[in-house]
């Protein structure tokens, strides 16, 4: 695999199990819960992406559409998830 930006072969894969401890801030909103599946960084319990060590470019198909955090992103057996909750930042 080579970098989509600089063509370097110095690519690492990052995979972290964050469960429902993921926090995202976007457009003065905050999401607290599972990793959304539509932002190009994994989804559900896992944050996963490839990163170029030469230029710092995240390796994925970008741009992505506006993130939508909905019930579809939650694990169906987790009734206590806050995935759909968005709070305005002050």
Protein backbone atom coordinates (compact mmCIF):
# COMPACT_ATOMS: atom_id res chain seq x y z
CA UNK A 1 0.00 0.00 0.00
CA UNK A 2 1.25 3.47 -0.80
CA UNK A 3 0.04 6.86 0.40
CA UNK A 4 -2.74 8.48 -1.62
CA UNK A 5 -1.05 11.86 -1.15
CA UNK A 6 2.74 11.41 -1.31
CA UNK A 7 3.01 7.76 -2.53
CA UNK A 8 5.22 6.76 0.42
CA UNK A 9 5.03 3.16 1.58
CA UNK A 10 5.37 4.20 5.26
CA UNK A 11 1.74 3.40 6.15
CA UNK A 12 0.63 2.26 9.60
CA UNK A 13 -2.74 0.84 10.58
CA UNK A 14 -4.28 2.16 13.79
CA UNK A 15 -7.02 0.10 15.41
CA UNK A 16 -8.35 1.01 18.85
CA UNK A 17 -11.31 -0.48 20.66
CA UNK A 18 -13.04 2.53 22.18
CA UNK A 19 -16.49 0.96 22.68
CA UNK A 20 -18.88 3.75 23.64
CA UNK A 21 -16.15 6.12 24.87
CA UNK A 22 -15.77 7.98 21.55
CA UNK A 23 -16.22 11.77 21.53
CA UNK A 24 -16.52 13.83 18.35
CA UNK A 25 -16.88 17.60 18.04
CA UNK A 26 -18.16 18.95 14.73
CA UNK A 27 -19.89 22.20 13.78
CA UNK A 28 -20.43 23.26 17.41
CA UNK A 29 -22.03 19.91 18.18
CA UNK A 30 -20.71 17.09 20.29
CA UNK A 31 -21.30 13.38 19.84
CA UNK A 32 -20.57 11.02 22.73
CA UNK A 33 -20.96 7.29 22.17
CA UNK A 34 -19.93 4.76 19.55
CA UNK A 35 -17.78 5.59 16.53
CA UNK A 36 -20.06 6.61 13.62
CA UNK A 37 -19.72 4.41 10.53
CA UNK A 38 -19.90 7.25 8.00
CA UNK A 39 -16.80 9.33 8.84
CA UNK A 40 -14.08 7.10 7.37
CA UNK A 41 -12.52 6.16 10.72
CA UNK A 42 -13.99 2.76 11.52
CA UNK A 43 -17.30 2.42 13.31
CA UNK A 44 -19.11 0.93 16.29
CA UNK A 45 -16.65 -0.17 18.97
CA UNK A 46 -13.57 0.44 16.81
CA UNK A 47 -11.62 3.45 15.66
CA UNK A 48 -9.57 2.21 12.68
CA UNK A 49 -7.63 3.95 9.94
CA UNK A 50 -4.38 3.90 7.99
CA UNK A 51 -1.97 6.80 8.41
CA UNK A 52 1.03 7.86 6.35
CA UNK A 53 4.12 8.40 8.52
CA UNK A 54 5.68 10.56 5.80
CA UNK A 55 3.03 13.26 5.33
CA UNK A 56 0.36 12.52 7.97
CA UNK A 57 -2.45 11.84 5.47
CA UNK A 58 -5.26 9.57 6.68
CA UNK A 59 -5.78 6.91 4.01
CA UNK A 60 -9.43 6.60 2.98
CA UNK A 61 -11.91 7.83 0.43
CA UNK A 62 -12.41 11.51 1.22
CA UNK A 63 -14.31 13.74 1.28
CA UNK A 64 -17.11 12.03 3.19
CA UNK A 65 -20.65 13.38 3.38
CA UNK A 66 -21.91 15.30 6.38
CA UNK A 67 -21.88 12.93 9.38
CA UNK A 68 -25.28 11.77 10.52
CA UNK A 69 -25.44 10.10 13.89
CA UNK A 70 -28.51 7.95 14.06
CA UNK A 71 -29.86 4.82 15.72
CA UNK A 72 -28.47 2.81 12.79
CA UNK A 73 -24.92 3.43 14.08
CA UNK A 74 -25.69 1.84 17.47
CA UNK A 75 -25.32 -1.75 18.45
CA UNK A 76 -28.89 -3.05 18.58
CA UNK A 77 -28.41 -4.78 21.93
CA UNK A 78 -27.20 -1.63 23.70
CA UNK A 79 -30.23 0.29 24.89
CA UNK A 80 -28.20 2.75 27.00
CA UNK A 81 -26.11 4.15 24.13
CA UNK A 82 -26.01 7.93 23.68
CA UNK A 83 -25.02 7.65 20.02
CA UNK A 84 -27.96 9.66 18.71
CA UNK A 85 -27.53 12.48 21.23
CA UNK A 86 -26.06 15.70 19.94
CA UNK A 87 -25.52 18.57 22.28
CA UNK A 88 -24.84 22.14 21.22
CA UNK A 89 -21.55 23.44 22.58
CA UNK A 90 -21.59 26.76 24.33
